Amino acid sequence: MREIAFIKQNKEKWLEFENVRSNNEKKSPDEIADLHIKIMNDLAYAQSFYPKSKVVDYLNKLAKSSFSNVYHSKRQQKNSILYFFFDTVPLMVYKHRKFIYLSFIFFAICFTVGLISTFNDETFARQILGNDYIDETLENIESGDALAIYKGGSNWGSFIGILDNNIRVGLNMFLSGLFIGIGTGFYIIYNGIMVAVFQAFFYQQNTLFDSLKGIWIHGVYEIFAMIIEAAAGYIIGASILFPKSLKRLQSFKIGLREAFIIFLSTIPFTITAAFLEGYVTRFSNSMPTIVCFAIIFFCLITISYYYLIFPFKVASKHAIR
């Protein structure tokens, strides 16, 4: 599209926001948010196709002003937390959905490598999981309780310890993006292979069903959140490597802020996973199988919907393509 046609097509929208900014026109917070998103889309388009044009500077000023209006309007709402999780996060996930897909694909590749390696090398599981874990688990399997290792300690103590570990892992995934995403890649390689080795080991010991029934009660949220956190790390890395028409520092600041929003969205799932591991997984043997798998499928459906389907619904509501 020629620049003149682009301006002609969108100027009414820009003038509409100018009127809102000068208080000549009153709009609800949701309407202001819609305008902000449209202006951001126009800015991104202009930066890509008319990088040296004055329209980029104009839209930059509008975008900064629209963000201030959105923040001011939404900050006054009582349900600002709900707005964050049900509007801001889905839109950010939609914007960066390619990185989330990339994270899933890379994790799947690493998982496959872990499976193949375990089945082709008898010592591989010990190299990844450690001799102590393998020996203790083998003893537990012989005694008839393959998941006994998850039943030690108090419920509360286990919950706190697991939560601390999972948040540390998530932060490492996220912050390793500062190393142009390479650090995040290493974490995914290790964790993807480890999860595969873990499941392959139980399969080799004829206790796969017990492991699926118990471990994935908390594992669905835990692993899914880890993959999303890795995607946040990739966003940071990409903002450094591919600033496009922006200055590298400016691109980095935007990427870091948007990646942090996505990272924050995983915290409730991480907390829930720790709770399930500390309070529910330990009872998987005594619980009816149908209850165990009902919990697993509920977790899978809710987190999949939130990150893979809901963002499209929210983007559609805001008329974003």
Protein backbone atom coordinates (compact mmCIF):
# COMPACT_ATOMS: atom_id res chain seq x y z
CA MET A 1 0.00 0.00 0.00
CA ARG A 2 1.30 3.48 -0.86
CA GLU A 3 1.90 5.80 2.07
CA ILE A 4 -0.75 8.29 0.96
CA ALA A 5 -3.35 5.53 0.75
CA PHE A 6 -2.28 4.24 4.19
CA ILE A 7 -2.77 7.70 5.74
CA LYS A 8 -6.10 8.22 3.99
CA GLN A 9 -7.37 4.83 5.14
CA ASN A 10 -6.47 5.34 8.82
CA LYS A 11 -6.57 9.10 9.47
CA GLU A 12 -10.14 9.02 10.85
CA LYS A 13 -9.02 6.57 13.50
CA TRP A 14 -6.05 8.74 14.45
CA LEU A 15 -8.18 11.88 14.60
CA GLU A 16 -10.66 10.00 16.77
CA PHE A 17 -7.95 9.36 19.30
CA GLU A 18 -6.74 12.97 19.08
CA ASN A 19 -10.24 13.99 20.13
CA VAL A 20 -10.17 11.54 23.04
CA ARG A 21 -6.78 12.83 24.14
CA SER A 22 -7.97 16.43 24.10
CA ASN A 23 -11.13 15.42 26.03
CA ASN A 24 -13.37 16.49 23.16
CA GLU A 25 -14.78 12.97 22.97
CA LYS A 26 -15.59 10.61 25.84
CA LYS A 27 -14.96 6.88 25.51
CA SER A 28 -14.99 3.90 27.84
CA PRO A 29 -11.70 2.29 28.96
CA ASP A 30 -12.35 -0.68 26.65
CA GLU A 31 -12.87 1.62 23.66
CA ILE A 32 -9.66 3.49 24.48
CA ALA A 33 -7.84 0.14 24.73
CA ASP A 34 -9.17 -0.84 21.30
CA LEU A 35 -7.90 2.41 19.83
CA HIS A 36 -4.50 1.88 21.44
CA ILE A 37 -4.17 -1.58 19.90
CA LYS A 38 -5.15 -0.29 16.46
CA ILE A 39 -2.64 2.55 16.71
CA MET A 40 0.08 0.09 17.75
CA ASN A 41 -0.74 -2.06 14.71
CA ASP A 42 -0.58 0.99 12.43
CA LEU A 43 2.75 1.99 13.98
CA ALA A 44 4.20 -1.47 13.37
CA TYR A 45 3.00 -1.36 9.76
CA ALA A 46 4.43 2.11 9.20
CA GLN A 47 7.78 1.14 10.75
CA SER A 48 7.99 -1.81 8.37
CA PHE A 49 6.98 -0.07 5.13
CA TYR A 50 7.68 3.65 5.67
CA PRO A 51 10.54 3.68 8.22
CA LYS A 52 11.82 7.15 7.26
CA SER A 53 8.41 8.79 7.02
CA LYS A 54 7.14 11.47 9.40
CA VAL A 55 4.04 9.33 9.91
CA VAL A 56 6.19 6.98 12.05
CA ASP A 57 7.09 9.83 14.42
CA TYR A 58 3.47 10.92 14.55
CA LEU A 59 2.22 7.41 15.36
CA ASN A 60 4.98 6.96 17.95
CA LYS A 61 3.67 10.00 19.80
CA LEU A 62 0.10 8.76 19.49
CA ALA A 63 1.12 5.29 20.75
CA LYS A 64 2.86 6.71 23.83
CA SER A 65 -0.14 8.89 24.56
CA SER A 66 -2.63 6.08 23.98
CA PHE A 67 -0.68 3.78 26.31
CA SER A 68 -0.85 6.42 29.05
CA ASN A 69 -4.60 6.74 28.52
CA VAL A 70 -5.12 2.98 28.62
CA TYR A 71 -3.01 2.59 31.74
CA HIS A 72 -4.74 5.47 33.50
CA SER A 73 -8.19 4.18 32.58
CA LYS A 74 -7.56 0.56 33.49
CA ARG A 75 -5.71 1.39 36.67
CA GLN A 76 -8.91 2.89 38.03
CA GLN A 77 -10.91 -0.25 37.37
CA LYS A 78 -11.65 -2.53 40.30
CA ASN A 79 -10.89 -5.65 38.28
CA SER A 80 -7.46 -4.59 37.02
CA ILE A 81 -6.04 -8.05 37.81
CA LEU A 82 -8.81 -9.69 35.79
CA TYR A 83 -8.15 -7.25 32.97
CA PHE A 84 -4.46 -8.20 33.03
CA PHE A 85 -5.10 -11.94 32.81
CA PHE A 86 -8.11 -11.85 30.50
CA ASP A 87 -7.17 -9.03 28.16
CA THR A 88 -3.56 -7.87 28.35
CA VAL A 89 -1.97 -11.33 28.52
CA PRO A 90 -4.07 -12.95 25.76
CA LEU A 91 -3.32 -10.04 23.41
CA MET A 92 0.39 -10.33 24.17
CA VAL A 93 0.32 -14.09 23.67
CA TYR A 94 -1.48 -13.57 20.36
CA LYS A 95 1.12 -11.06 19.24
CA HIS A 96 3.99 -13.45 20.07
CA ARG A 97 2.22 -16.73 19.26
CA LYS A 98 4.98 -17.76 16.83
CA PHE A 99 7.48 -17.89 19.70
CA ILE A 100 5.10 -20.08 21.70
CA TYR A 101 4.73 -22.45 18.76
CA LEU A 102 8.51 -22.45 18.36
CA SER A 103 8.94 -23.27 22.04
CA PHE A 104 6.57 -26.26 21.79
CA ILE A 105 8.28 -27.55 18.66
CA PHE A 106 11.75 -27.27 20.17
CA PHE A 107 10.61 -28.96 23.38
CA ALA A 108 9.05 -31.79 21.34
CA ILE A 109 12.32 -32.28 19.45
CA CYS A 110 14.31 -32.44 22.69
CA PHE A 111 11.75 -34.82 24.19
CA THR A 112 12.11 -37.12 21.17
CA VAL A 113 15.90 -37.05 21.47
CA GLY A 114 15.57 -38.03 25.13
CA LEU A 115 13.32 -40.98 24.31
CA ILE A 116 15.58 -42.29 21.56
CA SER A 117 18.69 -41.90 23.70
CA THR A 118 17.16 -43.72 26.67
CA PHE A 119 15.99 -46.66 24.60
CA ASN A 120 19.34 -46.97 22.85
CA ASP A 121 21.67 -46.48 25.82
CA GLU A 122 21.12 -48.31 29.12
CA THR A 123 23.27 -45.83 31.02
CA PHE A 124 21.62 -42.69 29.66
CA ALA A 125 18.91 -42.50 32.35
CA ARG A 126 21.52 -42.59 35.11
CA GLN A 127 23.50 -39.84 33.38
CA ILE A 128 20.48 -37.55 33.27
CA LEU A 129 18.53 -38.42 36.45
CA GLY A 130 21.47 -39.42 38.64
CA ASN A 131 22.34 -42.69 40.33
CA ASP A 132 20.70 -41.80 43.64
CA TYR A 133 17.31 -41.10 42.06
CA ILE A 134 17.43 -44.22 39.88
CA ASP A 135 18.46 -46.50 42.75
CA GLU A 136 15.83 -45.11 45.12
CA THR A 137 13.10 -45.38 42.49
CA LEU A 138 14.07 -48.97 41.68
CA GLU A 139 13.77 -49.83 45.37
CA ASN A 140 10.35 -48.14 45.49
CA ILE A 141 9.19 -50.09 42.44
CA GLU A 142 10.27 -53.36 44.08
CA SER A 143 8.31 -52.43 47.20
CA GLY A 144 5.21 -51.76 45.09
CA ASP A 145 5.08 -47.95 45.20
CA ALA A 146 6.84 -46.44 42.19
CA LEU A 147 6.02 -42.87 43.23
CA ALA A 148 7.01 -43.15 46.89
CA ILE A 149 9.71 -40.53 46.34
CA TYR A 150 6.95 -37.92 46.01
CA LYS A 151 5.41 -38.78 49.37
CA GLY A 152 8.20 -37.78 51.69
CA GLY A 153 7.96 -34.76 53.96
CA SER A 154 4.93 -32.71 54.94
CA ASN A 155 2.37 -31.38 52.51
CA TRP A 156 3.18 -27.75 53.33
CA GLY A 157 6.94 -28.26 53.26
CA SER A 158 6.75 -30.04 49.91
CA PHE A 159 4.55 -27.30 48.48
CA ILE A 160 6.94 -24.51 49.49
CA GLY A 161 10.05 -26.38 48.31
CA ILE A 162 8.51 -27.32 44.97
CA LEU A 163 7.13 -23.81 44.41
CA ASP A 164 10.53 -22.27 45.11
CA ASN A 165 12.21 -24.66 42.66
CA ASN A 166 9.63 -24.16 39.91
CA ILE A 167 9.75 -20.37 40.14
CA ARG A 168 13.56 -20.49 39.99
CA VAL A 169 13.38 -22.67 36.87
CA GLY A 170 10.86 -20.30 35.29
CA LEU A 171 12.99 -17.25 36.06
CA ASN A 172 16.02 -18.97 34.58
CA MET A 173 14.06 -19.75 31.42
CA PHE A 174 12.90 -16.14 31.17
CA LEU A 175 16.11 -14.32 32.11
CA SER A 176 18.30 -16.57 29.98
CA GLY A 177 16.71 -14.82 27.03
CA LEU A 178 19.11 -11.96 27.81
CA PHE A 179 21.82 -14.15 26.27
CA ILE A 180 20.11 -13.68 22.87
CA GLY A 181 17.87 -16.66 23.65
CA ILE A 182 20.70 -19.20 23.66
CA GLY A 183 20.53 -19.68 27.43
CA THR A 184 16.82 -20.39 27.23
CA GLY A 185 17.51 -22.96 24.52
CA PHE A 186 19.95 -24.81 26.77
CA TYR A 187 17.37 -24.98 29.56
CA ILE A 188 14.75 -26.39 27.19
CA ILE A 189 17.20 -28.96 25.85
CA TYR A 190 17.99 -30.18 29.36
CA ASN A 191 14.41 -30.19 30.64
CA GLY A 192 12.91 -31.66 27.47
CA ILE A 193 15.39 -34.53 27.51
CA MET A 194 14.95 -35.04 31.26
CA VAL A 195 11.15 -35.34 31.01
CA ALA A 196 11.52 -37.88 28.20
CA VAL A 197 14.13 -39.91 30.10
CA PHE A 198 11.90 -39.87 33.15
CA GLN A 199 8.94 -41.35 31.28
CA ALA A 200 11.08 -43.80 29.29
CA PHE A 201 12.64 -45.08 32.50
CA PHE A 202 9.23 -45.85 34.03
CA TYR A 203 8.20 -47.52 30.80
CA GLN A 204 11.27 -49.76 30.93
CA GLN A 205 10.33 -50.72 34.51
CA ASN A 206 6.73 -51.54 33.48
CA THR A 207 5.35 -48.75 35.67
CA LEU A 208 4.48 -46.19 32.97
CA PHE A 209 0.79 -46.19 33.85
CA ASP A 210 1.56 -45.40 37.51
CA SER A 211 3.83 -42.54 36.48
CA LEU A 212 1.28 -41.09 34.05
CA LYS A 213 -1.48 -41.39 36.61
CA GLY A 214 0.50 -39.64 39.33
CA ILE A 215 3.16 -37.36 37.94
CA TRP A 216 1.06 -35.62 35.32
CA ILE A 217 -1.43 -34.47 37.95
CA HIS A 218 1.03 -31.65 38.60
CA GLY A 219 3.18 -32.12 35.51
CA VAL A 220 0.71 -30.67 32.99
CA TYR A 221 0.76 -27.17 34.50
CA GLU A 222 4.43 -27.43 35.41
CA ILE A 223 5.74 -28.44 31.97
CA PHE A 224 3.30 -26.30 29.98
CA ALA A 225 4.22 -23.22 32.04
CA MET A 226 7.90 -23.99 31.53
CA ILE A 227 7.41 -24.00 27.75
CA ILE A 228 5.59 -20.65 27.90
CA GLU A 229 8.39 -19.21 30.07
CA ALA A 230 10.89 -20.40 27.48
CA ALA A 231 8.88 -18.59 24.80
CA ALA A 232 9.21 -15.41 26.87
CA GLY A 233 12.96 -15.92 26.86
CA TYR A 234 12.96 -16.29 23.07
CA ILE A 235 11.02 -13.02 22.77
CA ILE A 236 13.79 -11.23 24.65
CA GLY A 237 16.45 -12.83 22.48
CA ALA A 238 14.61 -11.91 19.28
CA SER A 239 14.18 -8.31 20.41
CA ILE A 240 17.97 -8.07 20.70
CA LEU A 241 18.82 -9.89 17.49
CA PHE A 242 16.06 -8.49 15.25
CA PRO A 243 15.21 -4.89 16.20
CA LYS A 244 13.73 -4.24 12.73
CA SER A 245 13.29 -0.49 12.23
CA LEU A 246 13.69 0.29 15.94
CA LYS A 247 16.91 1.10 17.72
CA ARG A 248 18.27 -2.04 19.36
CA LEU A 249 17.89 -0.67 22.89
CA GLN A 250 14.32 0.43 22.21
CA SER A 251 13.49 -2.97 20.73
CA PHE A 252 15.04 -4.68 23.76
CA LYS A 253 13.00 -2.61 26.22
CA ILE A 254 9.76 -3.41 24.41
CA GLY A 255 10.65 -7.10 24.12
CA LEU A 256 11.61 -7.34 27.80
CA ARG A 257 8.40 -5.68 28.96
CA GLU A 258 6.16 -7.83 26.75
CA ALA A 259 8.04 -11.03 27.63
CA PHE A 260 7.69 -10.20 31.33
CA ILE A 261 3.92 -9.90 30.93
CA ILE A 262 3.81 -13.40 29.46
CA PHE A 263 6.12 -14.73 32.18
CA LEU A 264 3.89 -13.27 34.91
CA SER A 265 0.89 -15.07 33.43
CA THR A 266 2.50 -18.45 34.22
CA ILE A 267 2.81 -17.78 37.96
CA PRO A 268 -0.76 -18.92 38.89
CA PHE A 269 -0.20 -22.17 36.99
CA THR A 270 3.18 -22.67 38.67
CA ILE A 271 1.62 -22.15 42.11
CA THR A 272 -1.20 -24.57 41.28
CA ALA A 273 1.28 -27.18 40.03
CA ALA A 274 3.25 -26.94 43.29
CA PHE A 275 0.03 -27.28 45.30
CA LEU A 276 -1.02 -30.36 43.33
CA GLU A 277 2.40 -31.96 43.74
CA GLY A 278 2.51 -31.24 47.46
CA TYR A 279 -1.06 -32.16 48.32
CA VAL A 280 -2.55 -34.39 45.58
CA THR A 281 0.14 -36.38 43.74
CA ARG A 282 1.11 -38.22 46.92
CA PHE A 283 -2.39 -39.74 47.04
CA SER A 284 -2.51 -40.84 43.40
CA ASN A 285 -2.15 -44.53 44.29
CA SER A 286 -5.11 -44.47 46.66
CA MET A 287 -7.30 -42.26 44.46
CA PRO A 288 -9.59 -43.77 41.81
CA THR A 289 -7.90 -43.78 38.41
CA ILE A 290 -10.78 -41.84 36.88
CA VAL A 291 -10.26 -39.02 39.39
CA CYS A 292 -6.53 -38.84 38.61
CA PHE A 293 -7.11 -38.59 34.88
CA ALA A 294 -10.01 -36.15 35.37
CA ILE A 295 -7.58 -33.80 37.13
CA ILE A 296 -4.96 -34.30 34.41
CA PHE A 297 -7.42 -33.60 31.58
CA PHE A 298 -8.89 -30.60 33.40
CA CYS A 299 -5.40 -29.11 33.75
CA LEU A 300 -4.57 -29.83 30.12
CA ILE A 301 -7.79 -28.33 28.80
CA THR A 302 -7.66 -25.16 30.91
CA ILE A 303 -4.03 -24.22 30.23
CA SER A 304 -4.27 -25.19 26.53
CA TYR A 305 -7.38 -23.07 26.13
CA TYR A 306 -5.80 -20.11 27.90
CA TYR A 307 -2.63 -20.00 25.80
CA LEU A 308 -3.66 -21.55 22.48
CA ILE A 309 -7.33 -20.66 21.92
CA PHE A 310 -8.38 -17.78 24.17
CA PRO A 311 -5.83 -15.31 22.67
CA PHE A 312 -7.52 -15.69 19.26
CA LYS A 313 -10.92 -14.96 20.80
CA VAL A 314 -9.65 -11.83 22.55
CA ALA A 315 -7.82 -10.65 19.42
CA SER A 316 -11.00 -11.18 17.41
CA LYS A 317 -12.96 -9.12 19.94
CA HIS A 318 -10.48 -6.27 19.42
CA ALA A 319 -10.55 -6.75 15.64
CA ILE A 320 -6.85 -7.63 15.52
CA ARG A 321 -5.52 -9.79 12.71
